[in-house]
Structure formats: structure tokens, C-alpha cells
Amino acid sequence: LITDAHLMLGRKHDVIRLWNAGSMNVQYTRAGSSGRVQLVNFAARGFGHPVSLWVAQPYRAAALHTLDAAGPRSLEPLPKSGGVEVYLPSFPLYGSIEFGA
């Protein structure tokens, strides 16, 4: 039923989109001018293809936190279709992207 609702409403109402992320689950939360996207990679290994993420907000900054890195990695948010798109480096299990103004 949820899939049917999404098909009827169309993509223009999407808040977030992922490309080449077949084995991932995603959760997006927003508070004021910032947002967070949490990703779980169920394959538990690096990506086979480049993964990109689009969020329907014009954020200017993005940082990726992963379990295998000592600190955050800066990502470049690229303006696209009223929001921003970021290209994700490969990570094995969990990633969290912090977006801000």
C-alpha cells in the first residue's frame, strides 16, 4: 500500500532520494536549518557502484560520520532540483550525514 501511494503521488513530493543503494535503509530527520540522514548498509561491505543522495533542502554544508573513521569527512553538497545532492564514499555498515546552512 505504501508503494502504491508513492506511485500515485509521484516523485515531485519526495523529501529524499538515493541512487545505487539497493542494500541500504535510510532515515532522514530535520530540525530547523539542519538535517541528518542515517544510512545502514546491510551488505556490510563497500559499495559496488557509486551512491548518491539527494535531499529536498538547499543545505550548504555536509559531513559524513562513519564507524570506521576517526572523524567526519566533509562532503560537497551540489545544488540540484531545489535541493542538494552529495556523492557518498564507500562505508561498510553505518553512515550519518549532517547537513547544515
N, C-alpha and C. Protein backbone atom coordinates (compact mmCIF):
# COMPACT_ATOMS: atom_id res chain seq x y z
N LEU A 1 0.80 -1.20 0.00
CA LEU A 1 0.00 0.00 0.00
C LEU A 1 0.84 1.26 0.00
N ILE A 2 1.94 1.29 0.75
CA ILE A 2 2.78 2.48 0.77
C ILE A 2 3.43 2.69 -0.59
N THR A 3 3.86 1.62 -1.23
CA THR A 3 4.43 1.73 -2.56
C THR A 3 3.41 2.28 -3.53
N ASP A 4 2.17 1.84 -3.44
CA ASP A 4 1.11 2.35 -4.30
C ASP A 4 0.88 3.84 -4.07
N ALA A 5 0.89 4.27 -2.82
CA ALA A 5 0.70 5.69 -2.50
C ALA A 5 1.82 6.52 -3.12
N HIS A 6 3.04 6.03 -3.03
CA HIS A 6 4.17 6.75 -3.61
C HIS A 6 4.03 6.84 -5.13
N LEU A 7 3.61 5.78 -5.76
CA LEU A 7 3.41 5.80 -7.21
C LEU A 7 2.32 6.79 -7.61
N MET A 8 1.25 6.88 -6.83
CA MET A 8 0.15 7.80 -7.15
C MET A 8 0.56 9.27 -6.93
N LEU A 9 1.34 9.54 -5.89
CA LEU A 9 1.75 10.92 -5.60
C LEU A 9 2.86 11.40 -6.53
N GLY A 10 3.71 10.51 -6.97
CA GLY A 10 4.80 10.88 -7.86
C GLY A 10 6.04 11.31 -7.10
N ARG A 11 7.13 11.47 -7.84
CA ARG A 11 8.42 11.79 -7.24
C ARG A 11 8.55 13.26 -6.85
N LYS A 12 7.69 14.12 -7.34
CA LYS A 12 7.84 15.55 -7.04
C LYS A 12 7.65 15.86 -5.55
N HIS A 13 7.08 14.96 -4.79
CA HIS A 13 6.88 15.16 -3.35
C HIS A 13 7.94 14.45 -2.50
N ASP A 14 8.94 13.84 -3.14
CA ASP A 14 9.99 13.15 -2.39
C ASP A 14 10.77 14.15 -1.53
N VAL A 15 11.16 13.73 -0.35
CA VAL A 15 11.98 14.54 0.55
C VAL A 15 13.44 14.11 0.43
N ILE A 16 13.65 12.86 0.08
CA ILE A 16 14.99 12.29 -0.04
C ILE A 16 14.97 11.23 -1.14
N ARG A 17 16.10 11.10 -1.85
CA ARG A 17 16.24 10.05 -2.86
C ARG A 17 17.65 9.49 -2.80
N LEU A 18 17.77 8.20 -3.05
CA LEU A 18 19.06 7.51 -3.12
C LEU A 18 19.20 6.84 -4.47
N TRP A 19 20.41 6.87 -5.03
CA TRP A 19 20.69 6.16 -6.26
C TRP A 19 21.77 5.13 -6.00
N ASN A 20 21.61 3.94 -6.57
CA ASN A 20 22.55 2.81 -6.45
C ASN A 20 22.72 2.34 -5.01
N ALA A 21 21.67 2.38 -4.24
CA ALA A 21 21.76 2.00 -2.82
C ALA A 21 20.79 0.87 -2.50
N GLY A 22 20.81 -0.18 -3.30
CA GLY A 22 19.86 -1.27 -3.15
C GLY A 22 19.87 -1.99 -1.81
N SER A 23 21.02 -2.03 -1.14
CA SER A 23 21.11 -2.76 0.12
C SER A 23 21.12 -1.85 1.34
N MET A 24 20.61 -0.62 1.18
CA MET A 24 20.64 0.34 2.29
C MET A 24 19.25 0.72 2.76
N ASN A 25 19.18 1.03 4.04
CA ASN A 25 17.98 1.61 4.63
C ASN A 25 18.36 3.02 5.04
N VAL A 26 17.40 3.95 4.94
CA VAL A 26 17.71 5.35 5.18
C VAL A 26 16.65 5.98 6.10
N GLN A 27 17.10 6.91 6.93
CA GLN A 27 16.23 7.66 7.85
C GLN A 27 16.66 9.11 7.79
N TYR A 28 15.72 10.02 7.50
CA TYR A 28 16.02 11.46 7.42
C TYR A 28 15.24 12.18 8.51
N THR A 29 15.94 13.03 9.25
CA THR A 29 15.29 13.89 10.25
C THR A 29 15.76 15.31 10.01
N ARG A 30 14.87 16.25 10.30
CA ARG A 30 15.17 17.66 10.08
C ARG A 30 14.76 18.45 11.31
N ALA A 31 15.61 19.41 11.71
CA ALA A 31 15.31 20.30 12.83
C ALA A 31 15.80 21.69 12.47
N GLY A 32 14.88 22.60 12.23
CA GLY A 32 15.26 23.96 11.87
C GLY A 32 16.01 24.00 10.55
N SER A 33 17.22 24.57 10.58
CA SER A 33 18.02 24.71 9.36
C SER A 33 19.03 23.58 9.18
N SER A 34 18.93 22.52 9.99
CA SER A 34 19.85 21.40 9.84
C SER A 34 19.09 20.10 9.63
N GLY A 35 19.80 19.10 9.17
CA GLY A 35 19.19 17.80 8.95
C GLY A 35 20.21 16.69 9.12
N ARG A 36 19.72 15.48 9.27
CA ARG A 36 20.59 14.31 9.43
C ARG A 36 19.99 13.16 8.64
N VAL A 37 20.85 12.49 7.89
CA VAL A 37 20.47 11.28 7.17
C VAL A 37 21.30 10.14 7.74
N GLN A 38 20.63 9.10 8.21
CA GLN A 38 21.31 7.92 8.72
C GLN A 38 21.12 6.79 7.72
N LEU A 39 22.21 6.11 7.42
CA LEU A 39 22.20 5.04 6.43
C LEU A 39 22.75 3.76 7.04
N VAL A 40 22.06 2.66 6.84
CA VAL A 40 22.55 1.34 7.25
C VAL A 40 22.78 0.54 5.98
N ASN A 41 24.01 0.08 5.80
CA ASN A 41 24.40 -0.70 4.64
C ASN A 41 24.32 -2.18 5.02
N PHE A 42 23.23 -2.83 4.66
CA PHE A 42 23.00 -4.22 5.04
C PHE A 42 23.94 -5.19 4.35
N ALA A 43 24.61 -4.77 3.29
CA ALA A 43 25.59 -5.64 2.63
C ALA A 43 26.85 -5.76 3.48
N ALA A 44 27.07 -4.81 4.40
CA ALA A 44 28.22 -4.80 5.31
C ALA A 44 29.56 -4.83 4.58
N ARG A 45 29.60 -4.26 3.40
CA ARG A 45 30.85 -4.11 2.64
C ARG A 45 30.73 -2.85 1.79
N GLY A 46 31.82 -2.46 1.17
CA GLY A 46 31.83 -1.28 0.32
C GLY A 46 30.84 -1.38 -0.83
N PHE A 47 30.50 -0.24 -1.40
CA PHE A 47 29.52 -0.20 -2.50
C PHE A 47 30.12 -0.77 -3.78
N GLY A 48 29.29 -1.41 -4.57
CA GLY A 48 29.71 -1.91 -5.88
C GLY A 48 29.64 -0.82 -6.94
N HIS A 49 28.80 0.19 -6.72
CA HIS A 49 28.62 1.30 -7.65
C HIS A 49 28.58 2.59 -6.85
N PRO A 50 28.89 3.72 -7.48
CA PRO A 50 28.81 5.00 -6.76
C PRO A 50 27.39 5.26 -6.26
N VAL A 51 27.28 5.73 -5.02
CA VAL A 51 25.99 6.03 -4.41
C VAL A 51 25.86 7.53 -4.25
N SER A 52 24.71 8.06 -4.62
CA SER A 52 24.45 9.48 -4.40
C SER A 52 23.12 9.64 -3.66
N LEU A 53 23.02 10.75 -2.95
CA LEU A 53 21.89 11.05 -2.10
C LEU A 53 21.41 12.46 -2.41
N TRP A 54 20.11 12.62 -2.59
CA TRP A 54 19.51 13.94 -2.81
C TRP A 54 18.55 14.23 -1.67
N VAL A 55 18.60 15.46 -1.16
CA VAL A 55 17.71 15.92 -0.10
C VAL A 55 17.02 17.19 -0.58
N ALA A 56 15.73 17.31 -0.33
CA ALA A 56 14.93 18.44 -0.82
C ALA A 56 15.09 19.69 0.04
N GLN A 57 16.32 20.03 0.41
CA GLN A 57 16.61 21.25 1.16
C GLN A 57 17.89 21.86 0.60
N PRO A 58 18.00 23.18 0.56
CA PRO A 58 19.20 23.81 -0.01
C PRO A 58 20.35 23.94 1.00
N TYR A 59 20.76 22.84 1.59
CA TYR A 59 21.85 22.87 2.56
C TYR A 59 23.15 23.32 1.89
N ARG A 60 24.02 23.96 2.67
CA ARG A 60 25.30 24.43 2.14
C ARG A 60 26.49 23.61 2.62
N ALA A 61 26.29 22.83 3.68
CA ALA A 61 27.39 22.04 4.24
C ALA A 61 26.91 20.63 4.54
N ALA A 62 27.85 19.68 4.42
CA ALA A 62 27.53 18.28 4.73
C ALA A 62 28.78 17.58 5.24
N ALA A 63 28.60 16.74 6.25
CA ALA A 63 29.71 15.97 6.81
C ALA A 63 29.25 14.53 7.05
N LEU A 64 30.07 13.59 6.63
CA LEU A 64 29.77 12.16 6.77
C LEU A 64 30.52 11.59 7.96
N HIS A 65 29.79 10.95 8.86
CA HIS A 65 30.36 10.23 10.00
C HIS A 65 30.17 8.74 9.75
N THR A 66 31.23 7.96 9.92
CA THR A 66 31.14 6.51 9.78
C THR A 66 31.84 5.85 10.96
N LEU A 67 31.53 4.58 11.18
CA LEU A 67 32.12 3.85 12.29
C LEU A 67 33.60 3.54 12.07
N ASP A 68 34.04 3.52 10.83
CA ASP A 68 35.42 3.15 10.52
C ASP A 68 36.36 4.34 10.39
N ALA A 69 35.89 5.56 10.66
CA ALA A 69 36.73 6.76 10.54
C ALA A 69 36.83 7.47 11.89
N ALA A 70 37.97 8.08 12.14
CA ALA A 70 38.20 8.78 13.42
C ALA A 70 37.39 10.07 13.52
N GLY A 71 37.10 10.69 12.40
CA GLY A 71 36.34 11.94 12.41
C GLY A 71 35.49 12.07 11.17
N PRO A 72 34.72 13.14 11.08
CA PRO A 72 33.83 13.33 9.93
C PRO A 72 34.59 13.67 8.66
N ARG A 73 34.00 13.28 7.53
CA ARG A 73 34.53 13.64 6.21
C ARG A 73 33.61 14.69 5.61
N SER A 74 34.18 15.75 5.14
CA SER A 74 33.39 16.80 4.51
C SER A 74 32.91 16.32 3.14
N LEU A 75 31.64 16.58 2.85
CA LEU A 75 31.06 16.27 1.54
C LEU A 75 30.64 17.58 0.88
N GLU A 76 30.67 17.62 -0.44
CA GLU A 76 30.28 18.82 -1.15
C GLU A 76 28.83 18.71 -1.62
N PRO A 77 27.91 19.49 -1.01
CA PRO A 77 26.53 19.48 -1.48
C PRO A 77 26.40 20.26 -2.79
N LEU A 78 25.90 19.59 -3.81
CA LEU A 78 25.74 20.21 -5.12
C LEU A 78 24.27 20.56 -5.33
N PRO A 79 23.96 21.84 -5.63
CA PRO A 79 22.56 22.23 -5.86
C PRO A 79 21.95 21.45 -7.03
N LYS A 80 20.74 20.91 -6.80
CA LYS A 80 20.06 20.15 -7.84
C LYS A 80 18.57 20.07 -7.54
N SER A 81 17.75 20.48 -8.48
CA SER A 81 16.29 20.35 -8.41
C SER A 81 15.69 20.88 -7.10
N GLY A 82 16.13 22.04 -6.66
CA GLY A 82 15.58 22.65 -5.46
C GLY A 82 16.15 22.13 -4.16
N GLY A 83 17.04 21.16 -4.23
CA GLY A 83 17.68 20.60 -3.04
C GLY A 83 19.17 20.48 -3.28
N VAL A 84 19.80 19.53 -2.62
CA VAL A 84 21.22 19.27 -2.84
C VAL A 84 21.47 17.78 -3.00
N GLU A 85 22.52 17.48 -3.75
CA GLU A 85 22.94 16.10 -3.95
C GLU A 85 24.37 15.95 -3.44
N VAL A 86 24.65 14.84 -2.76
CA VAL A 86 26.01 14.53 -2.33
C VAL A 86 26.37 13.13 -2.83
N TYR A 87 27.65 12.98 -3.13
CA TYR A 87 28.17 11.68 -3.55
C TYR A 87 28.83 11.04 -2.34
N LEU A 88 28.47 9.81 -2.04
CA LEU A 88 28.92 9.15 -0.83
C LEU A 88 30.13 8.26 -1.09
N PRO A 89 31.19 8.45 -0.28
CA PRO A 89 32.27 7.48 -0.34
C PRO A 89 31.80 6.16 0.28
N SER A 90 32.44 5.10 -0.09
CA SER A 90 32.05 3.78 0.41
C SER A 90 32.27 3.68 1.92
N PHE A 91 31.34 3.01 2.59
CA PHE A 91 31.49 2.70 4.02
C PHE A 91 30.87 1.34 4.27
N PRO A 92 31.40 0.58 5.26
CA PRO A 92 30.99 -0.82 5.41
C PRO A 92 29.63 -1.07 6.05
N LEU A 93 29.20 -0.26 7.03
CA LEU A 93 27.99 -0.63 7.74
C LEU A 93 27.05 0.54 8.02
N TYR A 94 27.54 1.59 8.67
CA TYR A 94 26.69 2.70 9.09
C TYR A 94 27.32 4.03 8.71
N GLY A 95 26.48 4.94 8.23
CA GLY A 95 26.93 6.29 7.94
C GLY A 95 25.85 7.28 8.35
N SER A 96 26.30 8.44 8.83
CA SER A 96 25.38 9.51 9.22
C SER A 96 25.88 10.79 8.57
N ILE A 97 25.00 11.46 7.86
CA ILE A 97 25.37 12.71 7.20
C ILE A 97 24.67 13.85 7.90
N GLU A 98 25.44 14.81 8.38
CA GLU A 98 24.90 16.01 8.99
C GLU A 98 24.89 17.12 7.95
N PHE A 99 23.72 17.71 7.76
CA PHE A 99 23.57 18.82 6.83
C PHE A 99 23.33 20.09 7.62
N GLY A 100 23.85 21.21 7.09
CA GLY A 100 23.64 22.49 7.75
C GLY A 100 23.67 23.64 6.78
N ALA A 101 23.37 24.81 7.29
CA ALA A 101 23.32 26.03 6.48
C ALA A 101 24.71 26.55 6.16
